[in-house]
Amino acid sequence: MMIAGRRADILHRVFTLGIWLKGFDGVLEIVGGVLLLVTNPSTLNRFVMVLTQHELVEDPKDWLATTMRHMVAQLSANTQLFGSLYLIIHGLVKLGIVVGVWQGYRSAYPVAIGFLSLFIAYQLYRLSYQPSLGLLLLTLFDVVIVGLTWREYRQHTV
């Protein structure tokens, strides 16, 4: 019995940490989305050039730096608008879910599971045509959070 209680405590702590990370990520997405929305493409391009310059001097084939430069150079106004709105909406949804869970709203748990499941489905779709280790890790993290959210929800409804 002692082991089951300890396991439940560890899972609750992991859930709490995951929710905090989702909230922090939501805030970062909102800030990033707003910055992307108000920054013109040439300023963004200069910023990425300065940000990646040192890395490319050390390794001219650095994957992350070259990918960032390529993405920013190809960024259209429509893509920038879509990206910024996606980040803002995604961040607001995450933040709303986190606040709802922390406030103890039982309905926040199924909403969190639903939205995270939609995000997972979209991320899996993206992975199907553009594999990415970062996106795969984010998707796995979201799957774990959905499982832990379901477990927490069941405990709050019993």
N, C-alpha and C. Protein backbone atom coordinates (compact mmCIF):
# COMPACT_ATOMS: atom_id res chain seq x y z
N MET A 1 0.83 -1.20 0.00
CA MET A 1 0.00 0.00 0.00
C MET A 1 0.86 1.26 0.00
N MET A 2 1.99 1.19 0.70
CA MET A 2 2.88 2.33 0.78
C MET A 2 3.46 2.67 -0.59
N ILE A 3 3.76 1.65 -1.39
CA ILE A 3 4.32 1.85 -2.72
C ILE A 3 3.29 2.52 -3.63
N ALA A 4 2.04 2.10 -3.55
CA ALA A 4 0.98 2.70 -4.38
C ALA A 4 0.81 4.18 -4.03
N GLY A 5 0.85 4.51 -2.76
CA GLY A 5 0.73 5.91 -2.35
C GLY A 5 1.90 6.75 -2.83
N ARG A 6 3.08 6.18 -2.76
CA ARG A 6 4.28 6.90 -3.23
C ARG A 6 4.22 7.09 -4.75
N ARG A 7 3.78 6.06 -5.46
CA ARG A 7 3.66 6.15 -6.92
C ARG A 7 2.64 7.23 -7.30
N ALA A 8 1.50 7.26 -6.58
CA ALA A 8 0.47 8.26 -6.85
C ALA A 8 1.01 9.67 -6.59
N ASP A 9 1.81 9.82 -5.55
CA ASP A 9 2.40 11.12 -5.23
C ASP A 9 3.37 11.55 -6.33
N ILE A 10 4.19 10.63 -6.81
CA ILE A 10 5.14 10.94 -7.88
C ILE A 10 4.39 11.33 -9.15
N LEU A 11 3.34 10.58 -9.50
CA LEU A 11 2.57 10.90 -10.70
C LEU A 11 1.89 12.26 -10.58
N HIS A 12 1.40 12.58 -9.39
CA HIS A 12 0.79 13.89 -9.17
C HIS A 12 1.82 15.00 -9.33
N ARG A 13 3.02 14.78 -8.82
CA ARG A 13 4.09 15.78 -8.95
C ARG A 13 4.50 15.96 -10.42
N VAL A 14 4.56 14.86 -11.17
CA VAL A 14 4.89 14.95 -12.59
C VAL A 14 3.79 15.72 -13.32
N PHE A 15 2.53 15.44 -12.97
CA PHE A 15 1.41 16.17 -13.56
C PHE A 15 1.52 17.66 -13.26
N THR A 16 1.80 18.00 -12.01
CA THR A 16 1.94 19.40 -11.60
C THR A 16 3.07 20.07 -12.37
N LEU A 17 4.21 19.41 -12.47
CA LEU A 17 5.33 19.96 -13.23
C LEU A 17 4.93 20.14 -14.70
N GLY A 18 4.26 19.15 -15.27
CA GLY A 18 3.83 19.23 -16.66
C GLY A 18 2.88 20.39 -16.90
N ILE A 19 1.97 20.62 -15.98
CA ILE A 19 1.02 21.73 -16.11
C ILE A 19 1.76 23.06 -16.00
N TRP A 20 2.71 23.16 -15.09
CA TRP A 20 3.51 24.38 -14.99
C TRP A 20 4.27 24.62 -16.29
N LEU A 21 4.85 23.56 -16.84
CA LEU A 21 5.58 23.70 -18.11
C LEU A 21 4.65 24.13 -19.24
N LYS A 22 3.44 23.58 -19.27
CA LYS A 22 2.46 23.96 -20.30
C LYS A 22 2.09 25.43 -20.14
N GLY A 23 1.93 25.89 -18.91
CA GLY A 23 1.61 27.31 -18.67
C GLY A 23 2.74 28.21 -19.10
N PHE A 24 3.97 27.84 -18.75
CA PHE A 24 5.14 28.62 -19.14
C PHE A 24 5.27 28.64 -20.66
N ASP A 25 5.07 27.48 -21.28
CA ASP A 25 5.12 27.38 -22.73
C ASP A 25 4.03 28.24 -23.37
N GLY A 26 2.85 28.26 -22.77
CA GLY A 26 1.76 29.09 -23.28
C GLY A 26 2.13 30.57 -23.26
N VAL A 27 2.74 31.02 -22.18
CA VAL A 27 3.17 32.42 -22.08
C VAL A 27 4.23 32.72 -23.14
N LEU A 28 5.20 31.81 -23.30
CA LEU A 28 6.23 32.02 -24.32
C LEU A 28 5.63 32.06 -25.72
N GLU A 29 4.63 31.21 -25.99
CA GLU A 29 3.98 31.22 -27.30
C GLU A 29 3.24 32.53 -27.56
N ILE A 30 2.57 33.03 -26.55
CA ILE A 30 1.87 34.32 -26.70
C ILE A 30 2.86 35.43 -26.99
N VAL A 31 3.92 35.50 -26.20
CA VAL A 31 4.94 36.53 -26.40
C VAL A 31 5.58 36.39 -27.78
N GLY A 32 5.94 35.15 -28.15
CA GLY A 32 6.54 34.92 -29.47
C GLY A 32 5.59 35.28 -30.59
N GLY A 33 4.31 34.93 -30.44
CA GLY A 33 3.32 35.25 -31.46
C GLY A 33 3.13 36.74 -31.63
N VAL A 34 3.10 37.46 -30.51
CA VAL A 34 2.95 38.92 -30.59
C VAL A 34 4.19 39.55 -31.23
N LEU A 35 5.37 39.07 -30.83
CA LEU A 35 6.60 39.60 -31.44
C LEU A 35 6.65 39.30 -32.94
N LEU A 36 6.24 38.11 -33.32
CA LEU A 36 6.21 37.76 -34.74
C LEU A 36 5.21 38.63 -35.49
N LEU A 37 4.10 38.94 -34.84
CA LEU A 37 3.07 39.76 -35.47
C LEU A 37 3.53 41.20 -35.71
N VAL A 38 4.27 41.76 -34.77
CA VAL A 38 4.64 43.18 -34.87
C VAL A 38 6.01 43.42 -35.50
N THR A 39 6.75 42.35 -35.76
CA THR A 39 8.08 42.50 -36.34
C THR A 39 8.01 42.38 -37.85
N ASN A 40 8.61 43.33 -38.54
CA ASN A 40 8.59 43.23 -40.01
C ASN A 40 9.62 42.20 -40.46
N PRO A 41 9.43 41.59 -41.64
CA PRO A 41 10.29 40.51 -42.11
C PRO A 41 11.78 40.88 -42.21
N SER A 42 12.10 42.11 -42.62
CA SER A 42 13.51 42.47 -42.74
C SER A 42 14.18 42.56 -41.36
N THR A 43 13.47 43.07 -40.37
CA THR A 43 14.01 43.11 -39.00
C THR A 43 14.20 41.71 -38.47
N LEU A 44 13.23 40.85 -38.71
CA LEU A 44 13.31 39.46 -38.27
C LEU A 44 14.49 38.77 -38.95
N ASN A 45 14.68 39.03 -40.22
CA ASN A 45 15.79 38.44 -40.97
C ASN A 45 17.14 38.90 -40.39
N ARG A 46 17.26 40.19 -40.10
CA ARG A 46 18.50 40.72 -39.51
C ARG A 46 18.75 40.11 -38.13
N PHE A 47 17.69 39.97 -37.35
CA PHE A 47 17.83 39.39 -36.01
C PHE A 47 18.36 37.96 -36.10
N VAL A 48 17.80 37.16 -37.00
CA VAL A 48 18.23 35.76 -37.15
C VAL A 48 19.67 35.71 -37.67
N MET A 49 20.03 36.63 -38.56
CA MET A 49 21.41 36.67 -39.07
C MET A 49 22.39 36.93 -37.92
N VAL A 50 22.07 37.90 -37.08
CA VAL A 50 22.94 38.22 -35.94
C VAL A 50 22.96 37.04 -34.96
N LEU A 51 21.81 36.45 -34.72
CA LEU A 51 21.69 35.34 -33.76
C LEU A 51 22.49 34.12 -34.21
N THR A 52 22.56 33.86 -35.49
CA THR A 52 23.21 32.64 -35.99
C THR A 52 24.64 32.87 -36.49
N GLN A 53 25.07 34.11 -36.58
CA GLN A 53 26.37 34.44 -37.15
C GLN A 53 27.51 33.70 -36.45
N HIS A 54 27.58 33.76 -35.14
CA HIS A 54 28.67 33.13 -34.38
C HIS A 54 28.69 31.62 -34.60
N GLU A 55 27.51 31.02 -34.59
CA GLU A 55 27.41 29.57 -34.76
C GLU A 55 27.89 29.15 -36.14
N LEU A 56 27.55 29.93 -37.17
CA LEU A 56 27.96 29.58 -38.53
C LEU A 56 29.44 29.84 -38.78
N VAL A 57 30.06 30.74 -38.02
CA VAL A 57 31.51 30.93 -38.11
C VAL A 57 32.21 29.67 -37.60
N GLU A 58 31.70 29.11 -36.49
CA GLU A 58 32.28 27.89 -35.93
C GLU A 58 31.99 26.67 -36.81
N ASP A 59 30.76 26.58 -37.31
CA ASP A 59 30.36 25.43 -38.13
C ASP A 59 29.45 25.93 -39.25
N PRO A 60 29.99 26.16 -40.43
CA PRO A 60 29.19 26.69 -41.54
C PRO A 60 28.03 25.79 -41.95
N LYS A 61 28.04 24.54 -41.54
CA LYS A 61 26.97 23.61 -41.91
C LYS A 61 26.01 23.34 -40.74
N ASP A 62 26.07 24.17 -39.70
CA ASP A 62 25.20 23.97 -38.54
C ASP A 62 23.74 23.90 -39.00
N TRP A 63 23.10 22.78 -38.70
CA TRP A 63 21.75 22.52 -39.19
C TRP A 63 20.74 23.54 -38.68
N LEU A 64 20.74 23.79 -37.37
CA LEU A 64 19.76 24.70 -36.79
C LEU A 64 19.92 26.12 -37.34
N ALA A 65 21.14 26.61 -37.37
CA ALA A 65 21.37 27.98 -37.84
C ALA A 65 21.00 28.13 -39.31
N THR A 66 21.41 27.17 -40.13
CA THR A 66 21.08 27.28 -41.56
C THR A 66 19.58 27.13 -41.79
N THR A 67 18.94 26.27 -41.03
CA THR A 67 17.49 26.10 -41.16
C THR A 67 16.75 27.37 -40.75
N MET A 68 17.18 27.98 -39.65
CA MET A 68 16.54 29.22 -39.20
C MET A 68 16.69 30.32 -40.26
N ARG A 69 17.89 30.45 -40.82
CA ARG A 69 18.11 31.47 -41.84
C ARG A 69 17.26 31.22 -43.08
N HIS A 70 17.18 29.97 -43.47
CA HIS A 70 16.39 29.61 -44.65
C HIS A 70 14.90 29.90 -44.41
N MET A 71 14.40 29.52 -43.23
CA MET A 71 12.98 29.72 -42.92
C MET A 71 12.61 31.20 -42.92
N VAL A 72 13.45 32.02 -42.30
CA VAL A 72 13.16 33.45 -42.20
C VAL A 72 13.25 34.12 -43.58
N ALA A 73 14.20 33.67 -44.38
CA ALA A 73 14.35 34.26 -45.71
C ALA A 73 13.14 33.94 -46.59
N GLN A 74 12.47 32.82 -46.35
CA GLN A 74 11.34 32.38 -47.15
C GLN A 74 9.99 32.82 -46.56
N LEU A 75 10.02 33.54 -45.47
CA LEU A 75 8.80 33.88 -44.74
C LEU A 75 7.97 34.92 -45.50
N SER A 76 6.75 34.53 -45.87
CA SER A 76 5.85 35.47 -46.54
C SER A 76 5.00 36.17 -45.47
N ALA A 77 4.33 37.24 -45.88
CA ALA A 77 3.47 37.98 -44.96
C ALA A 77 2.33 37.09 -44.46
N ASN A 78 1.76 36.27 -45.34
CA ASN A 78 0.67 35.38 -44.94
C ASN A 78 1.15 34.31 -43.96
N THR A 79 2.34 33.77 -44.22
CA THR A 79 2.90 32.75 -43.31
C THR A 79 3.21 33.38 -41.97
N GLN A 80 3.72 34.59 -41.98
CA GLN A 80 4.03 35.28 -40.73
C GLN A 80 2.75 35.54 -39.93
N LEU A 81 1.70 35.97 -40.60
CA LEU A 81 0.43 36.22 -39.93
C LEU A 81 -0.14 34.92 -39.37
N PHE A 82 -0.14 33.85 -40.19
CA PHE A 82 -0.65 32.56 -39.72
C PHE A 82 0.15 32.08 -38.53
N GLY A 83 1.48 32.15 -38.62
CA GLY A 83 2.34 31.68 -37.53
C GLY A 83 2.09 32.45 -36.24
N SER A 84 1.97 33.76 -36.36
CA SER A 84 1.76 34.57 -35.16
C SER A 84 0.39 34.30 -34.54
N LEU A 85 -0.65 34.22 -35.37
CA LEU A 85 -1.98 33.92 -34.83
C LEU A 85 -2.04 32.52 -34.22
N TYR A 86 -1.40 31.55 -34.89
CA TYR A 86 -1.36 30.19 -34.36
C TYR A 86 -0.70 30.18 -32.98
N LEU A 87 0.45 30.84 -32.86
CA LEU A 87 1.15 30.88 -31.57
C LEU A 87 0.32 31.55 -30.49
N ILE A 88 -0.30 32.67 -30.83
CA ILE A 88 -1.11 33.41 -29.84
C ILE A 88 -2.30 32.56 -29.39
N ILE A 89 -3.03 32.00 -30.33
CA ILE A 89 -4.21 31.19 -29.98
C ILE A 89 -3.80 29.94 -29.21
N HIS A 90 -2.76 29.27 -29.69
CA HIS A 90 -2.26 28.06 -29.02
C HIS A 90 -1.85 28.39 -27.58
N GLY A 91 -1.14 29.50 -27.42
CA GLY A 91 -0.70 29.91 -26.08
C GLY A 91 -1.87 30.28 -25.18
N LEU A 92 -2.86 31.00 -25.73
CA LEU A 92 -4.03 31.37 -24.92
C LEU A 92 -4.83 30.14 -24.48
N VAL A 93 -4.97 29.18 -25.37
CA VAL A 93 -5.69 27.95 -25.02
C VAL A 93 -4.95 27.22 -23.90
N LYS A 94 -3.63 27.08 -24.06
CA LYS A 94 -2.84 26.41 -23.01
C LYS A 94 -2.96 27.15 -21.68
N LEU A 95 -2.84 28.46 -21.72
CA LEU A 95 -2.92 29.24 -20.50
C LEU A 95 -4.30 29.12 -19.85
N GLY A 96 -5.36 29.15 -20.68
CA GLY A 96 -6.71 28.98 -20.15
C GLY A 96 -6.91 27.63 -19.49
N ILE A 97 -6.37 26.59 -20.10
CA ILE A 97 -6.47 25.25 -19.52
C ILE A 97 -5.73 25.18 -18.19
N VAL A 98 -4.51 25.72 -18.18
CA VAL A 98 -3.71 25.69 -16.96
C VAL A 98 -4.41 26.44 -15.83
N VAL A 99 -4.93 27.61 -16.13
CA VAL A 99 -5.65 28.39 -15.10
C VAL A 99 -6.88 27.62 -14.62
N GLY A 100 -7.61 27.02 -15.55
CA GLY A 100 -8.78 26.23 -15.16
C GLY A 100 -8.43 25.06 -14.26
N VAL A 101 -7.35 24.37 -14.57
CA VAL A 101 -6.91 23.24 -13.72
C VAL A 101 -6.49 23.74 -12.35
N TRP A 102 -5.71 24.85 -12.32
CA TRP A 102 -5.25 25.37 -11.02
C TRP A 102 -6.40 25.92 -10.18
N GLN A 103 -7.44 26.43 -10.85
CA GLN A 103 -8.60 26.93 -10.12
C GLN A 103 -9.50 25.80 -9.63
N GLY A 104 -9.23 24.59 -10.09
CA GLY A 104 -9.99 23.44 -9.63
C GLY A 104 -11.28 23.19 -10.41
N TYR A 105 -11.42 23.78 -11.58
CA TYR A 105 -12.62 23.54 -12.40
C TYR A 105 -12.54 22.14 -12.98
N ARG A 106 -13.49 21.30 -12.61
CA ARG A 106 -13.49 19.92 -13.11
C ARG A 106 -13.62 19.88 -14.62
N SER A 107 -14.34 20.82 -15.19
CA SER A 107 -14.52 20.82 -16.64
C SER A 107 -13.22 21.15 -17.38
N ALA A 108 -12.23 21.71 -16.68
CA ALA A 108 -10.96 22.04 -17.34
C ALA A 108 -10.20 20.78 -17.75
N TYR A 109 -10.40 19.70 -17.01
CA TYR A 109 -9.67 18.47 -17.33
C TYR A 109 -10.09 17.88 -18.68
N PRO A 110 -11.39 17.67 -18.95
CA PRO A 110 -11.75 17.16 -20.27
C PRO A 110 -11.43 18.15 -21.39
N VAL A 111 -11.54 19.44 -21.10
CA VAL A 111 -11.18 20.44 -22.11
C VAL A 111 -9.68 20.32 -22.42
N ALA A 112 -8.87 20.18 -21.40
CA ALA A 112 -7.43 20.01 -21.58
C ALA A 112 -7.14 18.76 -22.41
N ILE A 113 -7.79 17.67 -22.06
CA ILE A 113 -7.58 16.42 -22.80
C ILE A 113 -8.00 16.59 -24.26
N GLY A 114 -9.13 17.24 -24.50
CA GLY A 114 -9.61 17.45 -25.86
C GLY A 114 -8.67 18.29 -26.68
N PHE A 115 -8.28 19.46 -26.15
CA PHE A 115 -7.40 20.34 -26.91
C PHE A 115 -6.02 19.73 -27.10
N LEU A 116 -5.47 19.12 -26.06
CA LEU A 116 -4.16 18.49 -26.22
C LEU A 116 -4.24 17.36 -27.24
N SER A 117 -5.34 16.64 -27.27
CA SER A 117 -5.51 15.58 -28.27
C SER A 117 -5.55 16.16 -29.68
N LEU A 118 -6.21 17.30 -29.84
CA LEU A 118 -6.21 17.97 -31.15
C LEU A 118 -4.79 18.41 -31.54
N PHE A 119 -4.06 18.97 -30.57
CA PHE A 119 -2.68 19.37 -30.85
C PHE A 119 -1.84 18.15 -31.22
N ILE A 120 -2.03 17.05 -30.50
CA ILE A 120 -1.29 15.82 -30.79
C ILE A 120 -1.61 15.35 -32.20
N ALA A 121 -2.88 15.35 -32.57
CA ALA A 121 -3.27 14.92 -33.92
C ALA A 121 -2.60 15.80 -34.97
N TYR A 122 -2.60 17.10 -34.77
CA TYR A 122 -1.96 18.01 -35.72
C TYR A 122 -0.45 17.77 -35.77
N GLN A 123 0.16 17.58 -34.60
CA GLN A 123 1.60 17.33 -34.55
C GLN A 123 1.95 16.02 -35.25
N LEU A 124 1.12 14.98 -35.09
CA LEU A 124 1.35 13.72 -35.78
C LEU A 124 1.23 13.90 -37.29
N TYR A 125 0.25 14.71 -37.70
CA TYR A 125 0.11 15.02 -39.12
C TYR A 125 1.38 15.69 -39.65
N ARG A 126 1.87 16.68 -38.90
CA ARG A 126 3.10 17.37 -39.31
C ARG A 126 4.28 16.41 -39.34
N LEU A 127 4.36 15.52 -38.36
CA LEU A 127 5.46 14.55 -38.33
C LEU A 127 5.40 13.60 -39.52
N SER A 128 4.20 13.35 -40.02
CA SER A 128 4.05 12.40 -41.12
C SER A 128 4.69 12.90 -42.41
N TYR A 129 4.78 14.20 -42.59
CA TYR A 129 5.41 14.71 -43.80
C TYR A 129 6.69 15.50 -43.55
N GLN A 130 6.97 15.83 -42.30
CA GLN A 130 8.21 16.55 -41.98
C GLN A 130 8.71 16.09 -40.62
N PRO A 131 9.42 14.96 -40.59
CA PRO A 131 9.92 14.43 -39.31
C PRO A 131 10.82 15.44 -38.60
N SER A 132 10.65 15.49 -37.28
CA SER A 132 11.43 16.42 -36.46
C SER A 132 11.55 15.84 -35.06
N LEU A 133 12.76 15.73 -34.57
CA LEU A 133 12.97 15.19 -33.23
C LEU A 133 12.30 16.07 -32.18
N GLY A 134 12.42 17.37 -32.33
CA GLY A 134 11.80 18.29 -31.37
C GLY A 134 10.29 18.13 -31.32
N LEU A 135 9.66 18.05 -32.50
CA LEU A 135 8.21 17.88 -32.55
C LEU A 135 7.80 16.51 -32.01
N LEU A 136 8.60 15.49 -32.28
CA LEU A 136 8.32 14.16 -31.74
C LEU A 136 8.37 14.18 -30.22
N LEU A 137 9.38 14.82 -29.65
CA LEU A 137 9.50 14.91 -28.19
C LEU A 137 8.34 15.71 -27.59
N LEU A 138 7.95 16.80 -28.24
CA LEU A 138 6.81 17.59 -27.78
C LEU A 138 5.54 16.75 -27.82
N THR A 139 5.37 15.98 -28.88
CA THR A 139 4.17 15.14 -29.01
C THR A 139 4.15 14.08 -27.91
N LEU A 140 5.28 13.45 -27.66
CA LEU A 140 5.35 12.45 -26.59
C LEU A 140 5.06 13.09 -25.23
N PHE A 141 5.59 14.28 -25.00
CA PHE A 141 5.31 15.01 -23.77
C PHE A 141 3.81 15.27 -23.63
N ASP A 142 3.18 15.71 -24.72
CA ASP A 142 1.74 15.97 -24.70
C ASP A 142 0.95 14.69 -24.42
N VAL A 143 1.38 13.57 -24.98
CA VAL A 143 0.70 12.28 -24.73
C VAL A 143 0.79 11.93 -23.24
N VAL A 144 1.96 12.12 -22.65
CA VAL A 144 2.12 11.86 -21.22
C VAL A 144 1.22 12.78 -20.41
N ILE A 145 1.16 14.06 -20.77
CA ILE A 145 0.33 15.02 -20.04
C ILE A 145 -1.15 14.65 -20.18
N VAL A 146 -1.59 14.19 -21.35
CA VAL A 146 -2.98 13.75 -21.52
C VAL A 146 -3.27 12.59 -20.58
N GLY A 147 -2.36 11.62 -20.53
CA GLY A 147 -2.55 10.47 -19.63
C GLY A 147 -2.61 10.90 -18.17
N LEU A 148 -1.72 11.78 -17.77
CA LEU A 148 -1.72 12.25 -16.38
C LEU A 148 -2.95 13.12 -16.08
N THR A 149 -3.39 13.89 -17.06
CA THR A 149 -4.59 14.71 -16.87
C THR A 149 -5.81 13.81 -16.70
N TRP A 150 -5.90 12.75 -17.49
CA TRP A 150 -7.00 11.79 -17.35
C TRP A 150 -6.98 11.16 -15.96
N ARG A 151 -5.78 10.81 -15.48
CA ARG A 151 -5.65 10.21 -14.15
C ARG A 151 -6.09 11.20 -13.06
N GLU A 152 -5.65 12.43 -13.17
CA GLU A 152 -6.04 13.46 -12.19
C GLU A 152 -7.54 13.71 -12.23
N TYR A 153 -8.10 13.76 -13.42
CA TYR A 153 -9.54 13.99 -13.57
C TYR A 153 -10.33 12.88 -12.90
N ARG A 154 -9.92 11.64 -13.10
CA ARG A 154 -10.61 10.50 -12.47
C ARG A 154 -10.53 10.60 -10.96
N GLN A 155 -9.40 11.01 -10.43
CA GLN A 155 -9.26 11.15 -8.98
C GLN A 155 -10.11 12.27 -8.41
N HIS A 156 -10.35 13.32 -9.20
CA HIS A 156 -11.18 14.43 -8.74
C HIS A 156 -12.67 14.16 -8.89
N THR A 157 -13.03 13.15 -9.67
CA THR A 157 -14.45 12.86 -9.86
C THR A 157 -14.92 11.69 -9.01
N VAL A 158 -14.01 11.05 -8.30
CA VAL A 158 -14.38 9.90 -7.46
C VAL A 158 -14.88 10.38 -6.12
